[in-house]
Amino acid sequence: MKDFALWYPLALFLRDEQQRSLHHVDLSSGVTIRNDPFFILRMRDEEFEERDPVTGLYPFMIAASADECDLYTIHSLFRINIG
């Protein structure tokens, strides 16, 4: 993913056929701050408050519902969302 982001930086802003952003898909697949420390830095302010169009969940909720959730990631996303 890091190589993809380097070669295609504008692709980070594209949506899939269900209008999900790359961040929604990443969180649902188990991306955490521990395995991708720049994950939060790549998110724009409005993306922290944007609900997933498929599940209706906020990013911190998506992180909490992943198979291997990370409390640090959930807490960080939650703090930014309510901040």
PDB file of N, CA and C in Angstrom:
ATOM      1  N   MET A   1       0.827  -1.193   0.000  1.00  0.00           N
ATOM      2  CA  MET A   1       0.000   0.000   0.000  1.00  0.00           C
ATOM      3  C   MET A   1       0.866   1.249   0.000  1.00  0.00           C
ATOM      4  N   LYS A   2       1.997   1.192   0.711  1.00  0.00           N
ATOM      5  CA  LYS A   2       2.867   2.365   0.747  1.00  0.00           C
ATOM      6  C   LYS A   2       3.413   2.687  -0.638  1.00  0.00           C
ATOM      7  N   ASP A   3       3.804   1.661  -1.395  1.00  0.00           N
ATOM      8  CA  ASP A   3       4.290   1.889  -2.758  1.00  0.00           C
ATOM      9  C   ASP A   3       3.183   2.449  -3.641  1.00  0.00           C
ATOM     10  N   PHE A   4       1.993   1.921  -3.488  1.00  0.00           N
ATOM     11  CA  PHE A   4       0.852   2.408  -4.257  1.00  0.00           C
ATOM     12  C   PHE A   4       0.600   3.883  -3.966  1.00  0.00           C
ATOM     13  N   ALA A   5       0.657   4.259  -2.697  1.00  0.00           N
ATOM     14  CA  ALA A   5       0.425   5.654  -2.307  1.00  0.00           C
ATOM     15  C   ALA A   5       1.509   6.578  -2.854  1.00  0.00           C
ATOM     16  N   LEU A   6       2.723   6.070  -2.937  1.00  0.00           N
ATOM     17  CA  LEU A   6       3.800   6.890  -3.494  1.00  0.00           C
ATOM     18  C   LEU A   6       3.627   7.135  -4.983  1.00  0.00           C
ATOM     19  N   TRP A   7       3.226   6.113  -5.718  1.00  0.00           N
ATOM     20  CA  TRP A   7       3.085   6.241  -7.161  1.00  0.00           C
ATOM     21  C   TRP A   7       1.761   6.878  -7.578  1.00  0.00           C
ATOM     22  N   TYR A   8       0.723   6.700  -6.798  1.00  0.00           N
ATOM     23  CA  TYR A   8      -0.603   7.220  -7.139  1.00  0.00           C
ATOM     24  C   TYR A   8      -1.202   7.972  -5.956  1.00  0.00           C
ATOM     25  N   PRO A   9      -0.649   9.114  -5.584  1.00  0.00           N
ATOM     26  CA  PRO A   9      -1.127   9.810  -4.379  1.00  0.00           C
ATOM     27  C   PRO A   9      -2.574  10.294  -4.477  1.00  0.00           C
ATOM     28  N   LEU A  10      -3.040  10.636  -5.651  1.00  0.00           N
ATOM     29  CA  LEU A  10      -4.426  11.106  -5.785  1.00  0.00           C
ATOM     30  C   LEU A  10      -5.440   9.974  -5.669  1.00  0.00           C
ATOM     31  N   ALA A  11      -4.994   8.743  -5.796  1.00  0.00           N
ATOM     32  CA  ALA A  11      -5.903   7.601  -5.661  1.00  0.00           C
ATOM     33  C   ALA A  11      -6.432   7.478  -4.243  1.00  0.00           C
ATOM     34  N   LEU A  12      -5.755   8.091  -3.279  1.00  0.00           N
ATOM     35  CA  LEU A  12      -6.230   8.047  -1.896  1.00  0.00           C
ATOM     36  C   LEU A  12      -7.579   8.742  -1.729  1.00  0.00           C
ATOM     37  N   PHE A  13      -7.940   9.588  -2.686  1.00  0.00           N
ATOM     38  CA  PHE A  13      -9.188  10.340  -2.585  1.00  0.00           C
ATOM     39  C   PHE A  13     -10.310   9.738  -3.427  1.00  0.00           C
ATOM     40  N   LEU A  14     -10.040   8.640  -4.133  1.00  0.00           N
ATOM     41  CA  LEU A  14     -11.062   7.996  -4.949  1.00  0.00           C
ATOM     42  C   LEU A  14     -11.995   7.171  -4.072  1.00  0.00           C
ATOM     43  N   ARG A  15     -13.180   6.880  -4.602  1.00  0.00           N
ATOM     44  CA  ARG A  15     -14.182   6.061  -3.904  1.00  0.00           C
ATOM     45  C   ARG A  15     -14.451   4.811  -4.725  1.00  0.00           C
ATOM     46  N   ASP A  16     -14.841   3.737  -4.051  1.00  0.00           N
ATOM     47  CA  ASP A  16     -15.200   2.529  -4.779  1.00  0.00           C
ATOM     48  C   ASP A  16     -16.653   2.613  -5.237  1.00  0.00           C
ATOM     49  N   GLU A  17     -17.176   1.524  -5.788  1.00  0.00           N
ATOM     50  CA  GLU A  17     -18.543   1.532  -6.330  1.00  0.00           C
ATOM     51  C   GLU A  17     -19.605   1.701  -5.255  1.00  0.00           C
ATOM     52  N   GLN A  18     -19.243   1.469  -3.993  1.00  0.00           N
ATOM     53  CA  GLN A  18     -20.179   1.665  -2.886  1.00  0.00           C
ATOM     54  C   GLN A  18     -19.945   2.997  -2.184  1.00  0.00           C
ATOM     55  N   GLN A  19     -19.117   3.853  -2.786  1.00  0.00           N
ATOM     56  CA  GLN A  19     -18.768   5.179  -2.262  1.00  0.00           C
ATOM     57  C   GLN A  19     -17.964   5.133  -0.971  1.00  0.00           C
ATOM     58  N   ARG A  20     -17.269   4.031  -0.721  1.00  0.00           N
ATOM     59  CA  ARG A  20     -16.400   3.916   0.454  1.00  0.00           C
ATOM     60  C   ARG A  20     -15.041   4.518   0.126  1.00  0.00           C
ATOM     61  N   SER A  21     -14.484   5.242   1.075  1.00  0.00           N
ATOM     62  CA  SER A  21     -13.141   5.782   0.894  1.00  0.00           C
ATOM     63  C   SER A  21     -12.114   4.700   1.204  1.00  0.00           C
ATOM     64  N   LEU A  22     -10.888   4.954   0.828  1.00  0.00           N
ATOM     65  CA  LEU A  22      -9.818   4.001   1.102  1.00  0.00           C
ATOM     66  C   LEU A  22      -9.632   3.807   2.600  1.00  0.00           C
ATOM     67  N   HIS A  23      -9.870   4.847   3.376  1.00  0.00           N
ATOM     68  CA  HIS A  23      -9.724   4.748   4.828  1.00  0.00           C
ATOM     69  C   HIS A  23     -10.771   3.824   5.444  1.00  0.00           C
ATOM     70  N   HIS A  24     -12.003   3.874   4.930  1.00  0.00           N
ATOM     71  CA  HIS A  24     -13.039   2.961   5.431  1.00  0.00           C
ATOM     72  C   HIS A  24     -12.655   1.514   5.138  1.00  0.00           C
ATOM     73  N   VAL A  25     -12.176   1.272   3.940  1.00  0.00           N
ATOM     74  CA  VAL A  25     -11.789  -0.084   3.552  1.00  0.00           C
ATOM     75  C   VAL A  25     -10.580  -0.547   4.364  1.00  0.00           C
ATOM     76  N   ASP A  26      -9.596   0.343   4.538  1.00  0.00           N
ATOM     77  CA  ASP A  26      -8.406  -0.001   5.338  1.00  0.00           C
ATOM     78  C   ASP A  26      -8.787  -0.380   6.764  1.00  0.00           C
ATOM     79  N   LEU A  27      -9.620   0.441   7.396  1.00  0.00           N
ATOM     80  CA  LEU A  27      -9.999   0.163   8.785  1.00  0.00           C
ATOM     81  C   LEU A  27     -10.758  -1.153   8.911  1.00  0.00           C
ATOM     82  N   SER A  28     -11.632  -1.424   7.966  1.00  0.00           N
ATOM     83  CA  SER A  28     -12.397  -2.663   8.046  1.00  0.00           C
ATOM     84  C   SER A  28     -11.527  -3.888   7.790  1.00  0.00           C
ATOM     85  N   SER A  29     -10.382  -3.691   7.130  1.00  0.00           N
ATOM     86  CA  SER A  29      -9.488  -4.815   6.890  1.00  0.00           C
ATOM     87  C   SER A  29      -8.444  -4.975   7.994  1.00  0.00           C
ATOM     88  N   GLY A  30      -8.473  -4.109   9.005  1.00  0.00           N
ATOM     89  CA  GLY A  30      -7.606  -4.291  10.159  1.00  0.00           C
ATOM     90  C   GLY A  30      -6.374  -3.412  10.217  1.00  0.00           C
ATOM     91  N   VAL A  31      -6.321  -2.351   9.428  1.00  0.00           N
ATOM     92  CA  VAL A  31      -5.176  -1.441   9.510  1.00  0.00           C
ATOM     93  C   VAL A  31      -5.211  -0.727  10.856  1.00  0.00           C
ATOM     94  N   THR A  32      -4.066  -0.667  11.519  1.00  0.00           N
ATOM     95  CA  THR A  32      -3.958   0.011  12.806  1.00  0.00           C
ATOM     96  C   THR A  32      -2.813   1.009  12.765  1.00  0.00           C
ATOM     97  N   ILE A  33      -2.746   1.849  13.752  1.00  0.00           N
ATOM     98  CA  ILE A  33      -1.651   2.807  13.842  1.00  0.00           C
ATOM     99  C   ILE A  33      -0.336   2.066  14.055  1.00  0.00           C
ATOM    100  N   ARG A  34      -0.395   0.938  14.716  1.00  0.00           N
ATOM    101  CA  ARG A  34       0.830   0.181  14.985  1.00  0.00           C
ATOM    102  C   ARG A  34       1.424  -0.439  13.720  1.00  0.00           C
ATOM    103  N   ASN A  35       0.588  -0.896  12.778  1.00  0.00           N
ATOM    104  CA  ASN A  35       1.154  -1.468  11.560  1.00  0.00           C
ATOM    105  C   ASN A  35       1.226  -0.470  10.410  1.00  0.00           C
ATOM    106  N   ASP A  36       0.646   0.715  10.564  1.00  0.00           N
ATOM    107  CA  ASP A  36       0.757   1.802   9.582  1.00  0.00           C
ATOM    108  C   ASP A  36       0.697   3.125  10.332  1.00  0.00           C
ATOM    109  N   PRO A  37       1.825   3.603  10.877  1.00  0.00           N
ATOM    110  CA  PRO A  37       1.814   4.794  11.724  1.00  0.00           C
ATOM    111  C   PRO A  37       1.374   6.069  11.024  1.00  0.00           C
ATOM    112  N   PHE A  38       1.420   6.104   9.704  1.00  0.00           N
ATOM    113  CA  PHE A  38       1.024   7.318   8.988  1.00  0.00           C
ATOM    114  C   PHE A  38      -0.438   7.293   8.564  1.00  0.00           C
ATOM    115  N   PHE A  39      -1.166   6.270   9.003  1.00  0.00           N
ATOM    116  CA  PHE A  39      -2.566   6.130   8.607  1.00  0.00           C
ATOM    117  C   PHE A  39      -3.384   7.373   8.962  1.00  0.00           C
ATOM    118  N   ILE A  40      -3.273   7.832  10.191  1.00  0.00           N
ATOM    119  CA  ILE A  40      -4.047   8.997  10.628  1.00  0.00           C
ATOM    120  C   ILE A  40      -3.553  10.273   9.965  1.00  0.00           C
ATOM    121  N   LEU A  41      -2.276  10.355   9.699  1.00  0.00           N
ATOM    122  CA  LEU A  41      -1.740  11.560   9.054  1.00  0.00           C
ATOM    123  C   LEU A  41      -2.266  11.732   7.636  1.00  0.00           C
ATOM    124  N   ARG A  42      -2.619  10.633   6.973  1.00  0.00           N
ATOM    125  CA  ARG A  42      -3.149  10.716   5.609  1.00  0.00           C
ATOM    126  C   ARG A  42      -4.628  11.088   5.574  1.00  0.00           C
ATOM    127  N   MET A  43      -5.300  11.019   6.702  1.00  0.00           N
ATOM    128  CA  MET A  43      -6.738  11.324   6.731  1.00  0.00           C
ATOM    129  C   MET A  43      -6.970  12.826   6.824  1.00  0.00           C
ATOM    130  N   ARG A  44      -7.938  13.301   6.068  1.00  0.00           N
ATOM    131  CA  ARG A  44      -8.344  14.700   6.165  1.00  0.00           C
ATOM    132  C   ARG A  44      -9.293  14.852   7.344  1.00  0.00           C
ATOM    133  N   ASP A  45      -9.452  16.068   7.831  1.00  0.00           N
ATOM    134  CA  ASP A  45     -10.286  16.322   9.010  1.00  0.00           C
ATOM    135  C   ASP A  45     -11.712  15.802   8.848  1.00  0.00           C
ATOM    136  N   GLU A  46     -12.305  16.028   7.688  1.00  0.00           N
ATOM    137  CA  GLU A  46     -13.699  15.611   7.496  1.00  0.00           C
ATOM    138  C   GLU A  46     -13.842  14.093   7.423  1.00  0.00           C
ATOM    139  N   GLU A  47     -12.773  13.366   7.152  1.00  0.00           N
ATOM    140  CA  GLU A  47     -12.862  11.912   7.077  1.00  0.00           C
ATOM    141  C   GLU A  47     -12.979  11.257   8.454  1.00  0.00           C
ATOM    142  N   PHE A  48     -12.587  11.948   9.497  1.00  0.00           N
ATOM    143  CA  PHE A  48     -12.744  11.408  10.845  1.00  0.00           C
ATOM    144  C   PHE A  48     -14.212  11.401  11.274  1.00  0.00           C
ATOM    145  N   GLU A  49     -15.007  12.283  10.693  1.00  0.00           N
ATOM    146  CA  GLU A  49     -16.422  12.389  11.052  1.00  0.00           C
ATOM    147  C   GLU A  49     -17.338  11.755  10.018  1.00  0.00           C
ATOM    148  N   GLU A  50     -16.764  11.234   8.938  1.00  0.00           N
ATOM    149  CA  GLU A  50     -17.560  10.673   7.848  1.00  0.00           C
ATOM    150  C   GLU A  50     -17.936   9.224   8.140  1.00  0.00           C
ATOM    151  N   ARG A  51     -19.215   8.942   8.033  1.00  0.00           N
ATOM    152  CA  ARG A  51     -19.702   7.574   8.239  1.00  0.00           C
ATOM    153  C   ARG A  51     -19.458   6.738   6.983  1.00  0.00           C
ATOM    154  N   ASP A  52     -19.197   5.477   7.194  1.00  0.00           N
ATOM    155  CA  ASP A  52     -19.047   4.535   6.091  1.00  0.00           C
ATOM    156  C   ASP A  52     -20.414   4.377   5.429  1.00  0.00           C
ATOM    157  N   PRO A  53     -20.514   4.590   4.115  1.00  0.00           N
ATOM    158  CA  PRO A  53     -21.829   4.483   3.471  1.00  0.00           C
ATOM    159  C   PRO A  53     -22.410   3.079   3.474  1.00  0.00           C
ATOM    160  N   VAL A  54     -21.593   2.070   3.659  1.00  0.00           N
ATOM    161  CA  VAL A  54     -22.093   0.691   3.664  1.00  0.00           C
ATOM    162  C   VAL A  54     -22.591   0.295   5.050  1.00  0.00           C
ATOM    163  N   THR A  55     -21.791   0.556   6.070  1.00  0.00           N
ATOM    164  CA  THR A  55     -22.145   0.115   7.421  1.00  0.00           C
ATOM    165  C   THR A  55     -22.791   1.210   8.262  1.00  0.00           C
ATOM    166  N   GLY A  56     -22.577   2.474   7.903  1.00  0.00           N
ATOM    167  CA  GLY A  56     -23.099   3.583   8.687  1.00  0.00           C
ATOM    168  C   GLY A  56     -22.279   3.886   9.934  1.00  0.00           C
ATOM    169  N   LEU A  57     -21.068   3.310  10.027  1.00  0.00           N
ATOM    170  CA  LEU A  57     -20.232   3.472  11.202  1.00  0.00           C
ATOM    171  C   LEU A  57     -19.186   4.571  11.000  1.00  0.00           C
ATOM    172  N   TYR A  58     -18.834   5.230  12.109  1.00  0.00           N
ATOM    173  CA  TYR A  58     -17.726   6.181  12.097  1.00  0.00           C
ATOM    174  C   TYR A  58     -16.409   5.401  12.050  1.00  0.00           C
ATOM    175  N   PRO A  59     -15.305   6.068  11.657  1.00  0.00           N
ATOM    176  CA  PRO A  59     -14.025   5.348  11.574  1.00  0.00           C
ATOM    177  C   PRO A  59     -13.613   4.618  12.856  1.00  0.00           C
ATOM    178  N   PHE A  60     -13.821   5.229  14.025  1.00  0.00           N
ATOM    179  CA  PHE A  60     -13.423   4.532  15.251  1.00  0.00           C
ATOM    180  C   PHE A  60     -14.289   3.295  15.487  1.00  0.00           C
ATOM    181  N   MET A  61     -15.534   3.318  15.037  1.00  0.00           N
ATOM    182  CA  MET A  61     -16.406   2.154  15.162  1.00  0.00           C
ATOM    183  C   MET A  61     -15.985   1.042  14.199  1.00  0.00           C
ATOM    184  N   ILE A  62     -15.546   1.440  13.007  1.00  0.00           N
ATOM    185  CA  ILE A  62     -15.058   0.445  12.045  1.00  0.00           C
ATOM    186  C   ILE A  62     -13.820  -0.243  12.613  1.00  0.00           C
ATOM    187  N   ALA A  63     -12.918   0.554  13.192  1.00  0.00           N
ATOM    188  CA  ALA A  63     -11.703  -0.017  13.788  1.00  0.00           C
ATOM    189  C   ALA A  63     -12.054  -0.968  14.927  1.00  0.00           C
ATOM    190  N   ALA A  64     -13.076  -0.642  15.703  1.00  0.00           N
ATOM    191  CA  ALA A  64     -13.478  -1.497  16.817  1.00  0.00           C
ATOM    192  C   ALA A  64     -14.123  -2.789  16.346  1.00  0.00           C
ATOM    193  N   SER A  65     -14.723  -2.780  15.163  1.00  0.00           N
ATOM    194  CA  SER A  65     -15.400  -3.980  14.678  1.00  0.00           C
ATOM    195  C   SER A  65     -14.499  -4.864  13.820  1.00  0.00           C
ATOM    196  N   ALA A  66     -13.251  -4.467  13.597  1.00  0.00           N
ATOM    197  CA  ALA A  66     -12.324  -5.282  12.808  1.00  0.00           C
ATOM    198  C   ALA A  66     -11.994  -6.570  13.567  1.00  0.00           C
ATOM    199  N   ASP A  67     -11.565  -7.574  12.841  1.00  0.00           N
ATOM    200  CA  ASP A  67     -11.243  -8.867  13.456  1.00  0.00           C
ATOM    201  C   ASP A  67     -10.180  -8.728  14.530  1.00  0.00           C
ATOM    202  N   GLU A  68      -9.140  -7.980  14.247  1.00  0.00           N
ATOM    203  CA  GLU A  68      -8.077  -7.745  15.226  1.00  0.00           C
ATOM    204  C   GLU A  68      -8.034  -6.257  15.537  1.00  0.00           C
ATOM    205  N   CYS A  69      -8.850  -5.830  16.468  1.00  0.00           N
ATOM    206  CA  CYS A  69      -8.917  -4.410  16.787  1.00  0.00           C
ATOM    207  C   CYS A  69      -7.771  -4.012  17.712  1.00  0.00           C
ATOM    208  N   ASP A  70      -7.375  -2.763  17.599  1.00  0.00           N
ATOM    209  CA  ASP A  70      -6.281  -2.214  18.384  1.00  0.00           C
ATOM    210  C   ASP A  70      -6.842  -1.053  19.199  1.00  0.00           C
ATOM    211  N   LEU A  71      -6.784  -1.151  20.511  1.00  0.00           N
ATOM    212  CA  LEU A  71      -7.375  -0.131  21.370  1.00  0.00           C
ATOM    213  C   LEU A  71      -6.738   1.239  21.171  1.00  0.00           C
ATOM    214  N   TYR A  72      -5.455   1.276  20.892  1.00  0.00           N
ATOM    215  CA  TYR A  72      -4.780   2.556  20.669  1.00  0.00           C
ATOM    216  C   TYR A  72      -5.345   3.251  19.426  1.00  0.00           C
ATOM    217  N   THR A  73      -5.568   2.493  18.357  1.00  0.00           N
ATOM    218  CA  THR A  73      -6.139   3.057  17.133  1.00  0.00           C
ATOM    219  C   THR A  73      -7.564   3.529  17.379  1.00  0.00           C
ATOM    220  N   ILE A  74      -8.358   2.717  18.056  1.00  0.00           N
ATOM    221  CA  ILE A  74      -9.746   3.086  18.349  1.00  0.00           C
ATOM    222  C   ILE A  74      -9.790   4.353  19.190  1.00  0.00           C
ATOM    223  N   HIS A  75      -8.985   4.402  20.223  1.00  0.00           N
ATOM    224  CA  HIS A  75      -8.950   5.569  21.110  1.00  0.00           C
ATOM    225  C   HIS A  75      -8.502   6.822  20.347  1.00  0.00           C
ATOM    226  N   SER A  76      -7.483   6.712  19.512  1.00  0.00           N
ATOM    227  CA  SER A  76      -6.992   7.864  18.759  1.00  0.00           C
ATOM    228  C   SER A  76      -8.054   8.384  17.802  1.00  0.00           C
ATOM    229  N   LEU A  77      -8.693   7.488  17.066  1.00  0.00           N
ATOM    230  CA  LEU A  77      -9.744   7.906  16.130  1.00  0.00           C
ATOM    231  C   LEU A  77     -10.935   8.516  16.867  1.00  0.00           C
ATOM    232  N   PHE A  78     -11.291   7.945  18.004  1.00  0.00           N
ATOM    233  CA  PHE A  78     -12.410   8.468  18.789  1.00  0.00           C
ATOM    234  C   PHE A  78     -12.099   9.876  19.297  1.00  0.00           C
ATOM    235  N   ARG A  79     -10.896  10.073  19.832  1.00  0.00           N
ATOM    236  CA  ARG A  79     -10.523  11.387  20.365  1.00  0.00           C
ATOM    237  C   ARG A  79     -10.537  12.460  19.283  1.00  0.00           C
ATOM    238  N   ILE A  80     -10.078  12.090  18.086  1.00  0.00           N
ATOM    239  CA  ILE A  80     -10.086  13.056  16.990  1.00  0.00           C
ATOM    240  C   ILE A  80     -11.519  13.323  16.552  1.00  0.00           C
ATOM    241  N   ASN A  81     -12.360  12.302  16.533  1.00  0.00           N
ATOM    242  CA  ASN A  81     -13.747  12.448  16.089  1.00  0.00           C
ATOM    243  C   ASN A  81     -14.527  13.381  17.003  1.00  0.00           C
ATOM    244  N   ILE A  82     -14.337  13.271  18.316  1.00  0.00           N
ATOM    245  CA  ILE A  82     -15.116  14.112  19.234  1.00  0.00           C
ATOM    246  C   ILE A  82     -14.425  15.454  19.493  1.00  0.00           C
ATOM    247  N   GLY A  83     -13.154  15.549  19.086  1.00  0.00           N
ATOM    248  CA  GLY A  83     -12.359  16.744  19.348  1.00  0.00           C
ATOM    249  C   GLY A  83     -12.864  17.934  18.671  1.00  0.00           C
TER     250      GLY A  83
END
